[in-house]
């Protein structure tokens, strides 16, 4: 069954200072979401100064000229809203969802820190947030089971000089070296209206929203030139099977298997995304049926794309072994399933199921103001056109089994795999050595 075609109302305008604004009106619930994307992430950092984008996400909640440290949180929560921020390889975003009558508050807070953050920046705030980020690294990466995967896998999949190669959260050494001048320069370079997209979705009156945006954001001056990113271009495949074995404080072996994949938004991307859903989206997926339910090799199996719009995307398979299953068996069985799809392809029934699941998730998420605003910001930031959001269902519906099989034959082969295999550190040395031989010699 397919949904009727969904058409979200989308209007846009640009302020003279370069700020691109997207509006999507929906009076279903008395809530409005404000979502601000800055086109900067870890890819914009230079060697020796990694982790700045993520550190800066923390710094933006430490007050601005008219807002005290942590008052941003207090004001929004006191008004009945929620808020947060996140950092990724090529963007940083900040977002609030508030009752409709609090739109002015959310916009004013975002504008105050965009235009007037530096006067409130102090060495004490930097030192405090640097320690917070270091602790976050300790707990979410260094001391979290499998926590290093999301910096080890990009390091394995992208060349050392590629902007996506280094750690998103940064190294302890680089964080220690960050100075107040570094932070001020980073802000002045990237946190400018002409490098930002502001999306508003939900229960609001468009004319009033535009008036507030112009009032609060209009006086902020546009930025100066930003240093260009180095070339992101990569060959379509790795040209080999890359492998890394990680002995870690984990209970069960776990395999992350990555493939270079067409960039997000390209025609070929949609076939890759559907392939990922066929392999690892929910209990009816190939990997879950074969490895979790039938052969009971794995306790969990998923697949997903990174959705990177530059250079190369990654399709990632993530499979955790059942107790008693060693790493050699896990990798062999996962590889066998991938080999089958690579050699024999899939049928139209599997494609239809995958597209239906993707469409259901997408349409459901667009009912939430916060999710809608975030996707509007995504398409506006990456492609300059938030109206592409309305084309996504049709682009997935257009994917055929033939297109999926072309992708599988060209991208799922053994010349385009990067394996990150975790082994329990507590396991006996002989087992680890056997697994190492099997992994490196397969």
Protein backbone atom coordinates (compact mmCIF):
# COMPACT_ATOMS: atom_id res chain seq x y z
CA UNK A 1 0.00 0.00 0.00
CA UNK A 2 1.27 3.48 -0.83
CA UNK A 3 0.43 6.80 0.76
CA UNK A 4 -1.15 9.50 -1.32
CA UNK A 5 1.41 12.00 -2.49
CA UNK A 6 2.36 14.33 0.36
CA UNK A 7 2.94 18.00 -0.45
CA UNK A 8 4.25 20.11 2.40
CA UNK A 9 3.77 23.87 2.18
CA UNK A 10 7.23 25.41 1.76
CA UNK A 11 8.08 29.09 1.34
CA UNK A 12 11.52 30.68 1.29
CA UNK A 13 13.20 34.06 1.37
CA UNK A 14 16.71 35.39 1.85
CA UNK A 15 17.77 38.35 3.96
CA UNK A 16 20.22 40.91 2.51
CA UNK A 17 22.92 39.54 4.86
CA UNK A 18 22.63 36.12 3.19
CA UNK A 19 20.53 34.20 5.74
CA UNK A 20 18.35 31.69 3.89
CA UNK A 21 14.96 31.19 5.55
CA UNK A 22 12.45 28.36 5.02
CA UNK A 23 8.88 28.38 6.31
CA UNK A 24 6.46 25.43 6.50
CA UNK A 25 3.12 26.31 8.07
CA UNK A 26 1.07 23.58 9.82
CA UNK A 27 -1.62 24.32 12.39
CA UNK A 28 -2.20 20.69 13.44
CA UNK A 29 -0.73 21.26 16.90
CA UNK A 30 0.01 24.51 18.81
CA UNK A 31 3.78 24.02 18.47
CA UNK A 32 6.46 25.63 16.34
CA UNK A 33 9.99 24.42 15.61
CA UNK A 34 12.99 26.66 14.95
CA UNK A 35 15.95 24.92 13.32
CA UNK A 36 19.24 26.61 12.44
CA UNK A 37 21.89 24.84 10.37
CA UNK A 38 25.41 26.24 10.02
CA UNK A 39 27.29 24.77 7.08
CA UNK A 40 30.30 23.79 9.16
CA UNK A 41 31.38 20.52 10.73
CA UNK A 42 34.45 18.50 11.49
CA UNK A 43 35.33 18.53 7.76
CA UNK A 44 36.17 22.24 8.10
CA UNK A 45 38.76 21.67 10.82
CA UNK A 46 42.47 21.57 10.13
CA UNK A 47 44.98 19.11 11.49
CA UNK A 48 46.05 20.00 14.99
CA UNK A 49 42.73 21.71 15.61
CA UNK A 50 40.27 18.82 15.47
CA UNK A 51 37.12 18.80 17.58
CA UNK A 52 36.46 22.53 17.19
CA UNK A 53 33.04 22.14 15.54
CA UNK A 54 31.79 19.96 18.37
CA UNK A 55 33.42 22.08 21.06
CA UNK A 56 31.79 25.12 19.54
CA UNK A 57 28.37 23.47 19.70
CA UNK A 58 28.87 23.38 23.48
CA UNK A 59 30.14 26.96 23.60
CA UNK A 60 26.98 28.30 21.97
CA UNK A 61 24.96 27.33 25.03
CA UNK A 62 27.26 29.33 27.33
CA UNK A 63 25.59 32.67 26.81
CA UNK A 64 25.80 35.68 24.52
CA UNK A 65 25.67 39.44 25.00
CA UNK A 66 22.12 39.43 26.38
CA UNK A 67 21.85 35.84 27.62
CA UNK A 68 23.70 34.43 30.62
CA UNK A 69 25.47 31.06 30.62
CA UNK A 70 22.91 28.23 30.46
CA UNK A 71 20.06 30.79 30.35
CA UNK A 72 19.21 29.68 26.81
CA UNK A 73 18.18 26.28 28.24
CA UNK A 74 16.37 27.85 31.18
CA UNK A 75 14.32 30.29 29.10
CA UNK A 76 13.18 27.70 26.57
CA UNK A 77 12.37 25.05 29.16
CA UNK A 78 10.54 27.57 31.33
CA UNK A 79 8.43 28.44 28.29
CA UNK A 80 7.47 24.78 27.90
CA UNK A 81 9.85 23.99 25.07
CA UNK A 82 12.69 21.63 24.27
CA UNK A 83 16.06 22.35 22.64
CA UNK A 84 19.43 20.92 21.77
CA UNK A 85 22.22 20.97 19.20
CA UNK A 86 24.26 18.45 17.25
CA UNK A 87 27.44 18.31 15.19
CA UNK A 88 28.16 16.21 12.13
CA UNK A 89 30.90 15.94 9.52
CA UNK A 90 29.63 18.83 7.41
CA UNK A 91 27.06 20.74 9.48
CA UNK A 92 26.17 21.92 12.98
CA UNK A 93 22.57 22.55 13.97
CA UNK A 94 20.65 24.12 16.85
CA UNK A 95 16.95 23.64 17.40
CA UNK A 96 14.02 24.48 19.63
CA UNK A 97 10.40 23.31 19.67
CA UNK A 98 8.20 25.67 21.67
CA UNK A 99 4.52 26.52 22.16
CA UNK A 100 3.33 28.67 19.26
CA UNK A 101 3.21 31.85 21.31
CA UNK A 102 6.92 31.52 22.11
CA UNK A 103 8.26 31.76 18.55
CA UNK A 104 9.70 35.21 19.18
CA UNK A 105 11.69 33.91 22.15
CA UNK A 106 13.28 31.08 20.16
CA UNK A 107 14.19 33.36 17.27
CA UNK A 108 15.60 36.07 19.53
CA UNK A 109 17.78 33.56 21.39
CA UNK A 110 19.22 32.16 18.16
CA UNK A 111 19.82 35.63 16.74
CA UNK A 112 21.51 36.87 19.91
CA UNK A 113 24.10 34.12 19.87
CA UNK A 114 24.62 34.37 16.11
CA UNK A 115 25.23 38.11 16.27
CA UNK A 116 26.54 38.69 19.77
CA UNK A 117 28.32 35.60 21.09
CA UNK A 118 31.92 36.83 21.24
CA UNK A 119 31.39 39.58 23.88
CA UNK A 120 30.26 36.86 26.31
CA UNK A 121 33.12 34.45 25.57
CA UNK A 122 35.55 33.96 28.47
CA UNK A 123 38.51 31.75 29.21
CA UNK A 124 36.61 30.20 32.11
CA UNK A 125 33.74 29.16 29.84
CA UNK A 126 36.17 27.67 27.35
CA UNK A 127 38.00 25.73 30.05
CA UNK A 128 34.73 24.43 31.49
CA UNK A 129 33.30 23.29 28.16
CA UNK A 130 36.62 21.80 27.06
CA UNK A 131 36.50 19.61 30.17
CA UNK A 132 32.87 18.72 29.41
CA UNK A 133 33.79 17.63 25.88
CA UNK A 134 36.76 15.63 27.16
CA UNK A 135 34.49 13.83 29.61
CA UNK A 136 32.00 13.24 26.82
CA UNK A 137 34.78 11.66 24.79
CA UNK A 138 35.78 9.45 27.72
CA UNK A 139 32.24 8.22 28.30
CA UNK A 140 30.83 8.04 24.79
CA UNK A 141 33.95 6.96 22.90
CA UNK A 142 36.95 5.79 24.89
CA UNK A 143 35.09 3.92 27.66
CA UNK A 144 31.90 3.00 25.79
CA UNK A 145 31.69 -0.54 24.35
CA UNK A 146 32.18 -0.21 20.59
CA UNK A 147 32.25 3.57 21.14
CA UNK A 148 35.28 4.13 18.94
CA UNK A 149 33.56 2.78 15.83
CA UNK A 150 32.33 6.14 14.58
CA UNK A 151 35.85 7.55 14.43
CA UNK A 152 37.68 4.35 13.45
CA UNK A 153 35.36 3.53 10.54
CA UNK A 154 35.67 6.92 8.78
CA UNK A 155 39.42 6.75 9.37
CA UNK A 156 39.45 3.35 7.66
CA UNK A 157 37.12 4.41 4.84
CA UNK A 158 38.57 7.82 3.95
CA UNK A 159 42.21 8.69 3.09
CA UNK A 160 44.26 10.53 5.76
CA UNK A 161 44.10 13.83 3.85
CA UNK A 162 40.33 13.64 3.30
CA UNK A 163 38.15 16.03 5.38
CA UNK A 164 35.99 13.11 6.62
CA UNK A 165 38.95 11.06 7.86
CA UNK A 166 39.58 12.53 11.30
CA UNK A 167 37.55 12.21 14.49
CA UNK A 168 34.36 14.24 14.82
CA UNK A 169 34.82 14.74 18.56
CA UNK A 170 38.54 15.51 18.22
CA UNK A 171 41.61 14.29 20.07
CA UNK A 172 42.41 15.07 23.68
CA UNK A 173 45.61 16.80 22.59
CA UNK A 174 43.87 19.10 20.11
CA UNK A 175 41.14 19.97 22.61
CA UNK A 176 43.81 20.87 25.17
CA UNK A 177 45.46 23.23 22.68
CA UNK A 178 42.27 25.13 21.80
CA UNK A 179 42.61 28.80 22.74
CA UNK A 180 40.10 31.61 23.10
CA UNK A 181 41.53 33.20 19.94
CA UNK A 182 40.99 29.93 18.06
CA UNK A 183 37.36 29.86 19.13
CA UNK A 184 36.81 33.52 18.21
CA UNK A 185 38.32 32.96 14.75
CA UNK A 186 36.22 29.83 14.18
CA UNK A 187 33.06 31.71 15.13
CA UNK A 188 33.84 34.74 12.96
CA UNK A 189 34.58 32.49 9.98
CA UNK A 190 31.66 30.06 10.05
CA UNK A 191 28.88 31.35 12.35
CA UNK A 192 27.61 34.01 9.99
CA UNK A 193 24.17 34.49 8.42
CA UNK A 194 25.44 33.83 4.89
CA UNK A 195 26.66 30.39 6.06
CA UNK A 196 23.38 29.47 7.77
CA UNK A 197 19.87 28.23 7.04
CA UNK A 198 16.95 29.02 9.34
CA UNK A 199 13.84 26.83 9.12
CA UNK A 200 10.54 27.40 10.92
CA UNK A 201 7.87 24.70 10.85
CA UNK A 202 4.56 24.30 12.63
CA UNK A 203 1.89 26.60 14.00
CA UNK A 204 2.84 30.16 13.07
CA UNK A 205 1.62 33.04 10.94
CA UNK A 206 4.02 33.53 8.00
CA UNK A 207 3.87 37.31 7.93
CA UNK A 208 4.64 37.56 11.65
CA UNK A 209 7.43 34.99 11.37
CA UNK A 210 9.06 36.95 8.55
CA UNK A 211 8.78 40.19 10.52
CA UNK A 212 10.48 38.58 13.53
CA UNK A 213 13.26 37.07 11.42
CA UNK A 214 13.97 40.39 9.76
CA UNK A 215 13.90 42.21 13.09
CA UNK A 216 16.22 39.85 14.97
CA UNK A 217 18.54 38.51 12.25
CA UNK A 218 18.52 41.37 9.74
CA UNK A 219 21.08 43.60 11.54
CA UNK A 220 23.69 40.81 11.79
CA UNK A 221 26.45 41.46 9.21
CA UNK A 222 27.36 38.80 6.68
CA UNK A 223 30.72 37.08 7.00
CA UNK A 224 33.92 37.37 5.05
CA UNK A 225 35.42 34.65 2.88
CA UNK A 226 35.62 31.11 4.21
CA UNK A 227 38.49 28.77 3.33
CA UNK A 228 37.38 26.23 0.72
CA UNK A 229 37.38 22.54 1.53
CA UNK A 230 39.97 20.41 -0.25
CA UNK A 231 38.75 18.10 -2.98
CA UNK A 232 36.32 15.46 -1.74
CA UNK A 233 36.53 13.30 -4.86
CA UNK A 234 37.20 9.60 -4.39
CA UNK A 235 37.13 6.51 -6.61
CA UNK A 236 33.75 4.72 -6.48
CA UNK A 237 35.28 1.70 -4.69
CA UNK A 238 38.10 1.08 -2.22
CA UNK A 239 39.84 -1.19 -4.72
CA UNK A 240 40.43 -3.75 -1.97
CA UNK A 241 38.98 -5.20 1.21
CA UNK A 242 40.29 -3.02 4.04
CA UNK A 243 40.28 -4.50 7.53
CA UNK A 244 40.94 -3.42 11.07
CA UNK A 245 40.69 -5.62 14.15
CA UNK A 246 39.90 -3.91 17.47
CA UNK A 247 40.42 -5.58 20.83
CA UNK A 248 38.04 -3.77 23.16
CA UNK A 249 36.22 -4.08 26.48
CA UNK A 250 33.17 -5.68 24.85
CA UNK A 251 31.23 -8.84 25.60
CA UNK A 252 30.47 -9.92 22.03
CA UNK A 253 32.15 -9.60 18.64
CA UNK A 254 30.67 -6.89 16.44
CA UNK A 255 31.25 -6.14 12.76
CA UNK A 256 30.92 -2.80 10.99
CA UNK A 257 31.17 -3.39 7.25
CA UNK A 258 31.26 -0.25 5.09
CA UNK A 259 30.95 0.23 1.32
CA UNK A 260 31.65 3.38 -0.67
CA UNK A 261 28.30 4.52 -1.96
CA UNK A 262 26.84 7.28 -4.21
CA UNK A 263 26.53 10.65 -2.51
CA UNK A 264 23.31 11.68 -0.81
CA UNK A 265 20.81 13.27 -3.18
CA UNK A 266 22.24 11.74 -6.37
CA UNK A 267 20.04 9.52 -8.55
CA UNK A 268 22.06 6.45 -7.57
CA UNK A 269 21.78 7.27 -3.86
CA UNK A 270 18.15 6.15 -3.70
CA UNK A 271 18.99 2.68 -4.98
CA UNK A 272 21.77 2.47 -2.38
CA UNK A 273 19.40 3.56 0.37
CA UNK A 274 16.84 0.95 -0.66
CA UNK A 275 19.60 -1.67 -0.72
CA UNK A 276 20.46 -0.75 2.86
CA UNK A 277 16.80 -1.16 3.86
CA UNK A 278 16.64 -4.56 2.15
CA UNK A 279 19.77 -5.67 4.00
CA UNK A 280 19.09 -4.30 7.45
CA UNK A 281 15.85 -2.39 8.05
CA UNK A 282 13.81 -4.10 10.75
CA UNK A 283 13.00 -7.76 11.33
CA UNK A 284 12.01 -8.57 7.78
CA UNK A 285 15.38 -7.57 6.34
CA UNK A 286 17.74 -10.08 4.78
CA UNK A 287 20.39 -9.91 7.48
CA UNK A 288 17.90 -10.14 10.33
CA UNK A 289 16.04 -13.08 8.79
CA UNK A 290 19.17 -15.02 7.89
CA UNK A 291 21.54 -14.23 10.75
CA UNK A 292 19.31 -13.40 13.70
CA UNK A 293 16.21 -15.54 13.16
CA UNK A 294 17.20 -18.51 10.99
CA UNK A 295 20.86 -19.32 11.66
CA UNK A 296 21.06 -17.53 15.05
CA UNK A 297 24.52 -16.19 14.35
CA UNK A 298 23.73 -12.63 15.38
CA UNK A 299 21.77 -10.90 18.12
CA UNK A 300 21.17 -7.79 16.02
CA UNK A 301 21.71 -6.68 12.42
CA UNK A 302 21.07 -3.30 10.79
CA UNK A 303 22.23 -1.30 7.77
CA UNK A 304 22.19 2.43 7.07
CA UNK A 305 23.77 5.17 4.98
CA UNK A 306 25.74 8.12 6.38
CA UNK A 307 23.93 10.44 3.91
CA UNK A 308 27.03 12.40 2.96
CA UNK A 309 26.47 14.82 0.04
CA UNK A 310 30.11 15.32 -0.98
CA UNK A 311 32.76 12.99 -2.36
CA UNK A 312 31.39 9.61 -1.32
CA UNK A 313 28.69 8.33 0.98
CA UNK A 314 29.04 5.17 3.09
CA UNK A 315 26.61 2.28 3.31
CA UNK A 316 27.26 0.53 6.64
CA UNK A 317 26.21 -2.91 7.85
CA UNK A 318 26.29 -3.30 11.65
CA UNK A 319 26.00 -6.85 13.06
CA UNK A 320 26.54 -8.05 16.65
CA UNK A 321 27.27 -11.72 17.33
CA UNK A 322 25.24 -13.95 19.61
CA UNK A 323 27.01 -15.28 22.73
CA UNK A 324 29.25 -18.18 21.77
CA UNK A 325 29.74 -17.04 18.15
CA UNK A 326 33.31 -15.99 17.42
CA UNK A 327 34.44 -13.17 15.17
CA UNK A 328 35.60 -15.44 12.33
CA UNK A 329 32.16 -17.01 12.00
CA UNK A 330 30.42 -13.63 12.28
CA UNK A 331 32.39 -12.02 9.47
CA UNK A 332 32.17 -15.09 7.24
CA UNK A 333 28.39 -15.32 7.59
CA UNK A 334 27.81 -11.61 7.02
CA UNK A 335 30.09 -11.69 3.98
CA UNK A 336 28.18 -14.68 2.59
CA UNK A 337 24.89 -12.76 2.77
CA UNK A 338 26.43 -9.75 1.06
CA UNK A 339 28.00 -12.00 -1.57
CA UNK A 340 24.57 -13.46 -2.36
CA UNK A 341 23.03 -10.03 -2.94
CA UNK A 342 26.09 -9.00 -4.96
CA UNK A 343 25.91 -12.07 -7.20
CA UNK A 344 22.19 -12.84 -7.42
CA UNK A 345 20.52 -9.50 -6.72
CA UNK A 346 17.09 -8.92 -5.20
CA UNK A 347 13.53 -9.12 -6.51
CA UNK A 348 10.82 -6.51 -6.87
CA UNK A 349 8.96 -7.73 -3.77
CA UNK A 350 11.95 -6.89 -1.56
CA UNK A 351 12.25 -3.47 -3.17
CA UNK A 352 8.56 -2.74 -2.62
CA UNK A 353 8.82 -3.74 1.05
CA UNK A 354 11.89 -1.56 1.59
CA UNK A 355 10.35 1.46 -0.15
CA UNK A 356 7.16 1.08 1.89
CA UNK A 357 9.14 1.05 5.15
CA UNK A 358 11.19 4.10 4.15
CA UNK A 359 8.06 5.95 3.04
CA UNK A 360 6.19 5.13 6.24
CA UNK A 361 9.04 6.41 8.40
CA UNK A 362 9.42 9.53 6.29
CA UNK A 363 5.75 10.47 6.22
CA UNK A 364 5.40 9.81 9.95
CA UNK A 365 8.41 11.95 10.81
CA UNK A 366 7.09 14.86 8.74
CA UNK A 367 4.12 15.13 11.10
CA UNK A 368 6.50 16.38 13.82
CA UNK A 369 7.42 20.05 13.51
CA UNK A 370 10.98 19.47 14.72
CA UNK A 371 11.73 16.69 12.22
CA UNK A 372 10.18 18.67 9.38
CA UNK A 373 12.22 21.78 10.18
CA UNK A 374 15.39 19.71 10.34
CA UNK A 375 14.82 18.13 6.92
CA UNK A 376 14.01 21.53 5.43
CA UNK A 377 17.32 22.83 6.75
CA UNK A 378 19.10 19.78 5.35
CA UNK A 379 17.92 20.23 1.77
CA UNK A 380 18.37 24.00 1.93
CA UNK A 381 21.93 23.65 3.24
CA UNK A 382 23.14 20.88 0.95
CA UNK A 383 21.26 21.76 -2.26
CA UNK A 384 19.91 25.28 -1.80
CA UNK A 385 16.35 24.03 -2.31
CA UNK A 386 14.19 22.88 0.64
CA UNK A 387 11.38 22.01 -1.80
CA UNK A 388 13.34 18.88 -2.65
CA UNK A 389 11.79 17.52 0.54
CA UNK A 390 8.53 17.09 -1.39
CA UNK A 391 10.26 14.96 -4.02
CA UNK A 392 11.69 12.32 -1.70
CA UNK A 393 8.75 9.91 -1.66
CA UNK A 394 8.52 9.94 -5.47
CA UNK A 395 12.25 9.36 -5.82
CA UNK A 396 12.09 6.31 -3.58
CA UNK A 397 8.97 5.00 -5.34
CA UNK A 398 10.84 5.22 -8.64
CA UNK A 399 13.59 2.81 -7.51
CA UNK A 400 13.43 -0.53 -9.34
CA UNK A 401 14.91 -3.94 -8.62
CA UNK A 402 17.13 -3.46 -11.67
CA UNK A 403 18.60 -0.25 -10.20
CA UNK A 404 19.22 -1.95 -6.86
CA UNK A 405 20.94 -4.85 -8.60
CA UNK A 406 23.14 -2.51 -10.64
CA UNK A 407 24.21 -0.88 -7.37
CA UNK A 408 24.78 -4.27 -5.69
CA UNK A 409 26.93 -5.55 -8.56
CA UNK A 410 29.05 -2.40 -8.70
CA UNK A 411 29.40 -1.54 -4.99
CA UNK A 412 28.91 -4.65 -2.80
CA UNK A 413 31.83 -6.66 -4.14
CA UNK A 414 34.91 -7.66 -2.19
CA UNK A 415 36.85 -4.82 -3.82
CA UNK A 416 34.70 -2.27 -1.97
CA UNK A 417 34.59 -3.34 1.66
CA UNK A 418 36.01 -1.89 4.86
CA UNK A 419 35.66 -4.11 7.93
CA UNK A 420 35.93 -2.89 11.49
CA UNK A 421 35.74 -6.01 13.65
CA UNK A 422 35.53 -5.79 17.44
CA UNK A 423 36.73 -8.65 19.63
CA UNK A 424 36.36 -9.05 23.41
CA UNK A 425 39.62 -7.96 25.01
CA UNK A 426 39.11 -10.51 27.78
CA UNK A 427 39.08 -13.43 25.32
CA UNK A 428 42.03 -15.81 25.33
CA UNK A 429 44.99 -14.83 23.18
CA UNK A 430 44.78 -17.95 21.02
CA UNK A 431 41.20 -17.15 19.95
CA UNK A 432 42.11 -13.57 19.13
CA UNK A 433 45.12 -14.68 17.09
CA UNK A 434 42.98 -17.22 15.18
CA UNK A 435 40.42 -14.53 14.40
CA UNK A 436 43.17 -12.17 13.28
CA UNK A 437 44.53 -14.73 10.83
CA UNK A 438 41.05 -15.42 9.50
CA UNK A 439 40.17 -11.75 9.14
CA UNK A 440 43.38 -10.66 7.44
CA UNK A 441 43.67 -13.71 5.22
CA UNK A 442 40.10 -14.19 3.98
